[in-house]
Amino acid sequence: MLKKIVQLFFLLTGAGLGYQFGPDLFLLLNPIMNIGEFQGSQYVGALIGAILFLVLTAWLVDIVVNAIRWGEDLLVKLPVTDVLFGAIGLIIGLIVAFLLFLPINNIPLWIIGDFLPLFVSVLLGYLGFQVGFKKKEEILSLFSLGRSNKDKLGKKGVRDTGEPKILDTSVIIDGRIADICKTGFIEGALIIPTFVLEELQHIADSSDVLKRNRGRRGLDILNKIQKELPIDVQIYEGDFEEIQEVDSKLVKLAKILSGKVITNDFNLNKVCELQGVPVLNINDLANAVKPVVLPGEELNIQIIKDGKEHGQGVAYLDDGTMIVVEGGREFIGSQVDVLVTSVLQTSAGRMIFAKPKILEKAL
């Protein structure tokens, strides 16, 4: 449909040019071709111009269509607020350019004076769009100038941007929180207490190589979240001197801020549940998003090693789920179709039991 619209535009453009310049062209060709004067030359010129322009611009149609679709995909991916404020800035820029048309037209710049208004319109329209697009946050803040600083700040100096999520040391070192934030599933501000940063720095300065690498990885993850991801990261400066354990401080902070604790520490998870503090466990999320496998389903897997029991083979799905294949030892190193017999869900993860399909057919 879009291609036909572009072709129609070129067709009408060629017809318009032929209608306007066709009679003059026939007058120029009259001494050579002895065409003579005839009625309706402008219509003949329109027909010839439409055909010629459509043929000559056939190569240009696909380029224009691809450019339009590229612009459409770009606009669809942008948030609606970005598009809205960009459009408002564009309109304001064009209005300013329109107000400048009269003084610009009076400038004696010969040929340049004819193109200067167009150039000014494009320039101011572009600048208006960029200002509206990049300054939308400041523009929105103008509507909230009447609010007091107390309304803008949450408890204990944390900005009120929705239900806060408090990170513990284990989930920072784990690193998966950065990928989760990147997908947009985490809403509200991420709160990083200073006592968690101190514990992380202490781990990074450890004499043990493994601990030191884990601590540095955690600091890199925090730096990535703060600088590369579009999420509000806030540092909580307070501390609880009367409490020694970091986990207890996290629980206390979550109660004060009415927030949630994000962790993958099993013990902290239980403590939060006992004290009525909402908790988001990364391991629970990972288990929840694993694909559902039901008994009787067929899977194509590669058996890679022996199982614990005699004749068993072991394979793994892409998400790390272990599959125990009865009678699969003889297929080690091969791709084989298996039938799921049962699924065992434990706190440590999920385990699938299966048997080779070829053995099922033999029975």
Protein backbone atom coordinates (compact mmCIF):
# COMPACT_ATOMS: atom_id res chain seq x y z
CA MET A 1 0.00 0.00 0.00
CA LEU A 2 2.78 2.43 0.93
CA LYS A 3 4.64 1.68 -2.30
CA LYS A 4 1.53 2.44 -4.36
CA ILE A 5 1.08 5.76 -2.54
CA VAL A 6 4.69 6.76 -3.33
CA GLN A 7 4.24 5.72 -6.98
CA LEU A 8 1.03 7.77 -7.14
CA PHE A 9 2.90 10.80 -5.76
CA PHE A 10 5.58 10.53 -8.46
CA LEU A 11 2.88 10.00 -11.10
CA LEU A 12 1.00 13.14 -10.06
CA THR A 13 4.25 15.11 -9.84
CA GLY A 14 5.18 14.12 -13.40
CA ALA A 15 1.67 14.93 -14.62
CA GLY A 16 1.82 18.37 -12.99
CA LEU A 17 5.18 19.16 -14.55
CA GLY A 18 4.00 17.92 -17.96
CA TYR A 19 0.82 19.97 -17.73
CA GLN A 20 2.77 23.14 -16.93
CA PHE A 21 5.75 22.80 -19.26
CA GLY A 22 4.29 20.56 -22.03
CA PRO A 23 2.97 23.37 -24.28
CA ASP A 24 6.30 25.23 -24.10
CA LEU A 25 8.17 22.04 -24.96
CA PHE A 26 5.95 21.42 -27.99
CA LEU A 27 6.63 24.98 -29.22
CA LEU A 28 10.37 24.35 -28.98
CA LEU A 29 10.09 21.07 -30.87
CA ASN A 30 7.74 22.46 -33.54
CA PRO A 31 10.50 23.69 -35.93
CA ILE A 32 12.25 20.34 -35.72
CA MET A 33 9.36 17.88 -35.72
CA ASN A 34 6.74 20.08 -37.45
CA ILE A 35 4.15 19.21 -34.83
CA GLY A 36 2.10 22.33 -35.29
CA GLU A 37 -0.24 23.88 -32.84
CA PHE A 38 -3.07 21.76 -31.49
CA GLN A 39 -5.62 21.95 -28.74
CA GLY A 40 -5.05 20.06 -25.50
CA SER A 41 -1.27 20.11 -25.67
CA GLN A 42 -1.16 20.58 -21.91
CA TYR A 43 -3.11 17.32 -21.39
CA VAL A 44 -0.81 15.43 -23.74
CA GLY A 45 2.14 16.93 -21.88
CA ALA A 46 0.61 15.82 -18.56
CA LEU A 47 0.21 12.26 -19.86
CA ILE A 48 3.75 12.10 -21.26
CA GLY A 49 5.18 13.70 -18.10
CA ALA A 50 3.38 11.24 -15.85
CA ILE A 51 4.65 8.23 -17.81
CA LEU A 52 8.22 9.53 -18.10
CA PHE A 53 8.44 10.57 -14.44
CA LEU A 54 7.03 7.21 -13.25
CA VAL A 55 9.56 5.28 -15.37
CA LEU A 56 12.55 7.47 -14.48
CA THR A 57 11.84 7.37 -10.75
CA ALA A 58 11.13 3.62 -10.54
CA TRP A 59 14.52 3.06 -8.85
CA LEU A 60 13.75 5.79 -6.31
CA VAL A 61 10.46 4.28 -5.09
CA ASP A 62 12.02 1.50 -3.00
CA ILE A 63 14.50 3.94 -1.42
CA VAL A 64 11.70 6.31 -0.38
CA VAL A 65 9.55 3.43 0.94
CA ASN A 66 12.45 2.02 3.00
CA ALA A 67 13.20 5.49 4.40
CA ILE A 68 9.56 5.98 5.42
CA ARG A 69 9.39 2.55 7.07
CA TRP A 70 12.67 3.20 8.91
CA GLY A 71 11.24 6.45 10.27
CA GLU A 72 8.01 4.67 11.22
CA ASP A 73 9.87 1.94 13.14
CA LEU A 74 11.96 4.58 14.92
CA LEU A 75 8.89 6.52 16.04
CA VAL A 76 7.05 3.37 17.17
CA LYS A 77 9.98 2.35 19.40
CA LEU A 78 10.16 5.77 21.08
CA PRO A 79 8.13 6.34 24.26
CA VAL A 80 4.95 8.32 23.67
CA THR A 81 6.18 11.14 25.95
CA ASP A 82 9.32 11.56 23.82
CA VAL A 83 7.26 11.77 20.63
CA LEU A 84 4.74 14.15 22.22
CA PHE A 85 7.28 16.63 23.55
CA GLY A 86 9.34 16.39 20.36
CA ALA A 87 6.24 17.22 18.30
CA ILE A 88 5.41 20.17 20.59
CA GLY A 89 8.95 21.50 20.19
CA LEU A 90 8.73 21.05 16.40
CA ILE A 91 5.46 23.00 16.25
CA ILE A 92 6.90 25.84 18.35
CA GLY A 93 9.99 25.97 16.13
CA LEU A 94 7.88 26.19 12.98
CA ILE A 95 5.74 28.95 14.52
CA VAL A 96 8.88 30.98 15.29
CA ALA A 97 10.11 30.39 11.72
CA PHE A 98 6.74 31.59 10.34
CA LEU A 99 7.00 34.79 12.39
CA LEU A 100 10.45 35.41 10.87
CA PHE A 101 9.27 34.96 7.26
CA LEU A 102 8.35 38.63 6.74
CA PRO A 103 11.69 40.16 7.81
CA ILE A 104 13.59 37.40 6.00
CA ASN A 105 11.75 38.00 2.72
CA ASN A 106 12.81 41.66 2.81
CA ILE A 107 16.50 40.77 2.90
CA PRO A 108 18.03 41.53 -0.56
CA LEU A 109 20.05 38.36 -0.96
CA TRP A 110 19.21 37.61 -4.62
CA ILE A 111 18.79 33.85 -5.13
CA ILE A 112 19.68 33.00 -1.52
CA GLY A 113 16.70 35.01 -0.32
CA ASP A 114 14.33 32.51 -1.98
CA PHE A 115 15.81 29.54 -0.12
CA LEU A 116 16.56 31.23 3.19
CA PRO A 117 12.99 30.90 4.59
CA LEU A 118 13.03 27.17 3.84
CA PHE A 119 16.41 26.77 5.51
CA VAL A 120 15.26 28.71 8.59
CA SER A 121 12.08 26.60 8.83
CA VAL A 122 14.04 23.34 8.70
CA LEU A 123 16.64 24.59 11.18
CA LEU A 124 14.18 25.95 13.76
CA GLY A 125 11.92 22.90 13.38
CA TYR A 126 14.88 20.60 14.05
CA LEU A 127 16.07 22.66 17.04
CA GLY A 128 12.54 22.76 18.46
CA PHE A 129 12.18 18.99 18.18
CA GLN A 130 15.55 18.38 19.85
CA VAL A 131 14.81 20.77 22.72
CA GLY A 132 11.37 19.24 23.34
CA PHE A 133 12.76 15.70 23.07
CA LYS A 134 15.78 16.15 25.36
CA LYS A 135 14.31 18.59 27.89
CA LYS A 136 11.03 16.79 28.57
CA GLU A 137 11.98 16.02 32.17
CA GLU A 138 12.68 19.70 32.90
CA ILE A 139 9.47 20.73 31.17
CA LEU A 140 7.48 18.25 33.25
CA SER A 141 9.15 19.53 36.40
CA LEU A 142 7.75 23.01 35.70
CA PHE A 143 4.25 21.68 36.44
CA SER A 144 5.32 20.52 39.89
CA LEU A 145 7.03 23.73 41.07
CA GLY A 146 4.17 24.35 43.46
CA ARG A 147 4.88 21.19 45.40
CA SER A 148 6.97 21.53 48.52
CA ASN A 149 10.31 19.83 48.95
CA LYS A 150 8.70 17.65 51.58
CA ASP A 151 6.27 16.28 49.03
CA LYS A 152 9.07 15.61 46.58
CA LEU A 153 11.15 13.67 49.08
CA GLY A 154 10.25 10.37 50.64
CA LYS A 155 11.25 9.16 54.07
CA LYS A 156 14.83 9.68 55.21
CA GLY A 157 15.84 11.73 52.19
CA VAL A 158 14.92 9.16 49.52
CA ARG A 159 13.06 10.61 46.55
CA ASP A 160 9.50 9.38 46.18
CA THR A 161 9.50 7.59 42.80
CA GLY A 162 7.18 4.71 43.61
CA GLU A 163 7.74 1.62 45.74
CA PRO A 164 11.53 1.47 46.38
CA LYS A 165 13.51 -1.73 45.82
CA ILE A 166 16.43 -2.26 48.23
CA LEU A 167 19.39 -4.31 46.97
CA ASP A 168 21.42 -6.56 49.23
CA THR A 169 25.04 -7.56 48.71
CA SER A 170 24.35 -11.04 47.32
CA VAL A 171 22.07 -9.87 44.52
CA ILE A 172 24.57 -7.18 43.47
CA ILE A 173 27.41 -9.70 43.25
CA ASP A 174 25.15 -12.16 41.42
CA GLY A 175 24.80 -9.66 38.56
CA ARG A 176 21.49 -10.83 37.10
CA ILE A 177 19.75 -7.78 38.55
CA ALA A 178 21.32 -5.65 35.79
CA ASP A 179 19.74 -7.81 33.06
CA ILE A 180 16.38 -7.73 34.86
CA CYS A 181 16.51 -3.92 35.12
CA LYS A 182 17.39 -3.75 31.42
CA THR A 183 14.19 -5.59 30.49
CA GLY A 184 12.07 -3.04 32.39
CA PHE A 185 10.48 -5.48 34.85
CA ILE A 186 11.78 -3.48 37.84
CA GLU A 187 9.74 -0.33 38.54
CA GLY A 188 10.48 2.41 41.03
CA ALA A 189 13.83 3.44 42.47
CA LEU A 190 16.68 1.08 43.32
CA ILE A 191 17.95 1.89 46.81
CA ILE A 192 21.57 1.04 47.63
CA PRO A 193 22.37 1.62 51.32
CA THR A 194 25.84 2.85 52.26
CA PHE A 195 26.31 -0.10 54.63
CA VAL A 196 25.83 -2.45 51.66
CA LEU A 197 28.42 -0.46 49.69
CA GLU A 198 30.82 -0.70 52.63
CA GLU A 199 30.35 -4.49 52.81
CA LEU A 200 30.87 -4.73 49.06
CA GLN A 201 34.05 -2.65 49.26
CA HIS A 202 35.30 -4.80 52.15
CA ILE A 203 34.80 -7.92 50.00
CA ALA A 204 36.58 -6.24 47.06
CA ASP A 205 39.57 -5.47 49.32
CA SER A 206 39.76 -9.03 50.67
CA SER A 207 43.06 -10.92 50.52
CA ASP A 208 41.18 -13.95 49.16
CA VAL A 209 41.28 -13.88 45.35
CA LEU A 210 37.79 -15.34 44.90
CA LYS A 211 36.19 -12.89 47.32
CA ARG A 212 38.09 -9.98 45.80
CA ASN A 213 36.89 -10.84 42.30
CA ARG A 214 33.31 -11.18 43.51
CA GLY A 215 33.46 -7.80 45.23
CA ARG A 216 34.88 -6.08 42.16
CA ARG A 217 32.24 -7.71 40.00
CA GLY A 218 29.56 -6.30 42.29
CA LEU A 219 31.01 -2.79 42.00
CA ASP A 220 31.10 -3.14 38.20
CA ILE A 221 27.45 -4.23 38.18
CA LEU A 222 26.44 -1.18 40.24
CA ASN A 223 28.36 1.10 37.90
CA LYS A 224 26.62 -0.46 34.91
CA ILE A 225 23.15 -0.07 36.43
CA GLN A 226 23.78 3.55 37.38
CA LYS A 227 25.37 4.73 34.12
CA GLU A 228 23.97 2.54 31.35
CA LEU A 229 20.41 1.63 32.37
CA PRO A 230 17.39 3.99 32.40
CA ILE A 231 16.49 3.39 36.04
CA ASP A 232 16.60 5.65 39.09
CA VAL A 233 19.44 4.58 41.42
CA GLN A 234 19.59 6.26 44.85
CA ILE A 235 22.18 5.95 47.61
CA TYR A 236 20.74 5.78 51.13
CA GLU A 237 23.14 7.65 53.40
CA GLY A 238 21.63 6.59 56.74
CA ASP A 239 22.81 3.80 59.01
CA PHE A 240 21.57 1.93 62.07
CA GLU A 241 24.39 2.07 64.59
CA GLU A 242 22.56 -0.11 67.10
CA ILE A 243 22.27 -2.99 64.60
CA GLN A 244 25.39 -4.97 63.65
CA GLU A 245 24.12 -7.42 61.00
CA VAL A 246 23.73 -6.07 57.48
CA ASP A 247 20.70 -8.30 56.83
CA SER A 248 18.95 -6.88 59.91
CA LYS A 249 19.72 -3.36 58.70
CA LEU A 250 18.15 -4.17 55.33
CA VAL A 251 14.98 -5.42 56.99
CA LYS A 252 14.83 -2.30 59.17
CA LEU A 253 15.34 -0.02 56.17
CA ALA A 254 12.65 -1.82 54.17
CA LYS A 255 10.16 -1.24 57.00
CA ILE A 256 11.04 2.47 57.21
CA LEU A 257 10.79 3.08 53.46
CA SER A 258 7.85 0.67 52.95
CA GLY A 259 9.88 -0.94 50.22
CA LYS A 260 10.86 -4.40 49.01
CA VAL A 261 14.14 -6.24 49.46
CA ILE A 262 15.69 -7.78 46.34
CA THR A 263 17.93 -10.73 47.20
CA ASN A 264 18.91 -14.28 46.34
CA ASP A 265 19.99 -15.08 49.91
CA PHE A 266 17.82 -17.92 51.26
CA ASN A 267 18.25 -16.91 54.91
CA LEU A 268 17.46 -13.23 54.30
CA ASN A 269 14.43 -14.31 52.29
CA LYS A 270 13.09 -16.25 55.30
CA VAL A 271 13.84 -13.42 57.75
CA CYS A 272 11.96 -10.94 55.56
CA GLU A 273 8.97 -13.27 55.33
CA LEU A 274 8.92 -13.78 59.11
CA GLN A 275 8.95 -10.02 59.74
CA GLY A 276 6.35 -9.23 57.09
CA VAL A 277 8.73 -7.44 54.71
CA PRO A 278 8.02 -7.95 50.97
CA VAL A 279 10.94 -9.69 49.27
CA LEU A 280 11.81 -10.35 45.63
CA ASN A 281 14.02 -13.40 45.20
CA ILE A 282 16.01 -13.60 41.97
CA ASN A 283 16.24 -17.40 42.21
CA ASP A 284 12.45 -17.69 42.53
CA LEU A 285 12.10 -15.48 39.44
CA ALA A 286 14.54 -17.64 37.49
CA ASN A 287 12.62 -20.80 38.41
CA ALA A 288 9.29 -19.17 37.54
CA VAL A 289 10.30 -18.24 33.99
CA LYS A 290 11.67 -21.66 33.09
CA PRO A 291 9.64 -23.34 30.36
CA VAL A 292 6.91 -25.69 31.57
CA VAL A 293 7.53 -29.33 30.70
CA LEU A 294 4.74 -31.89 31.18
CA PRO A 295 4.92 -35.70 31.32
CA GLY A 296 4.47 -37.18 27.86
CA GLU A 297 6.16 -34.28 26.02
CA GLU A 298 8.92 -35.02 23.56
CA LEU A 299 12.34 -33.34 23.79
CA ASN A 300 15.42 -33.48 21.58
CA ILE A 301 18.52 -33.39 23.78
CA GLN A 302 22.19 -34.31 23.83
CA ILE A 303 23.20 -36.73 26.58
CA ILE A 304 26.59 -35.66 27.90
CA LYS A 305 27.47 -37.87 30.90
CA ASP A 306 26.55 -40.82 33.14
CA GLY A 307 23.88 -40.59 35.79
CA LYS A 308 24.16 -41.73 39.42
CA GLU A 309 22.15 -44.90 38.84
CA HIS A 310 23.13 -47.75 36.53
CA GLY A 311 22.31 -47.09 32.87
CA GLN A 312 21.26 -43.47 33.38
CA GLY A 313 22.37 -40.58 31.20
CA VAL A 314 22.29 -36.88 32.02
CA ALA A 315 21.48 -33.93 29.74
CA TYR A 316 20.72 -30.25 30.31
CA LEU A 317 18.29 -27.76 28.81
CA ASP A 318 19.42 -24.31 27.70
CA ASP A 319 18.30 -22.82 31.04
CA GLY A 320 20.40 -25.33 33.03
CA THR A 321 17.58 -27.72 33.97
CA MET A 322 18.96 -31.24 34.42
CA ILE A 323 17.33 -34.14 32.59
CA VAL A 324 17.90 -37.68 33.87
CA VAL A 325 17.36 -40.21 31.07
CA GLU A 326 16.66 -43.82 32.07
CA GLY A 327 18.66 -46.14 29.82
CA GLY A 328 20.40 -43.17 28.28
CA ARG A 329 23.97 -44.19 29.02
CA GLU A 330 24.40 -45.88 25.65
CA PHE A 331 23.44 -42.61 23.90
CA ILE A 332 26.13 -40.45 25.56
CA GLY A 333 27.45 -37.87 23.07
CA SER A 334 24.45 -38.24 20.75
CA GLN A 335 21.33 -36.22 20.04
CA VAL A 336 18.32 -38.30 20.98
CA ASP A 337 14.54 -37.82 21.21
CA VAL A 338 13.21 -38.55 24.70
CA LEU A 339 9.79 -38.65 26.33
CA VAL A 340 9.27 -36.90 29.66
CA THR A 341 8.04 -39.30 32.35
CA SER A 342 7.96 -37.00 35.42
CA VAL A 343 9.05 -33.58 36.67
CA LEU A 344 10.44 -32.99 40.16
CA GLN A 345 10.34 -29.41 41.52
CA THR A 346 12.61 -28.73 44.51
CA SER A 347 13.87 -25.62 46.28
CA ALA A 348 17.18 -26.08 44.48
CA GLY A 349 15.52 -26.10 41.06
CA ARG A 350 13.76 -28.44 38.70
CA MET A 351 14.70 -31.95 37.60
CA ILE A 352 13.17 -33.79 34.64
CA PHE A 353 13.08 -37.57 34.25
CA ALA A 354 12.74 -39.05 30.78
CA LYS A 355 13.40 -42.13 28.69
CA PRO A 356 14.54 -42.52 25.07
CA LYS A 357 11.72 -42.50 22.56
CA ILE A 358 13.31 -45.34 20.63
CA LEU A 359 12.99 -47.59 23.68
CA GLU A 360 9.34 -46.60 24.06
CA LYS A 361 8.66 -47.66 20.48
CA ALA A 362 10.41 -50.97 21.06
CA LEU A 363 8.04 -51.72 23.93
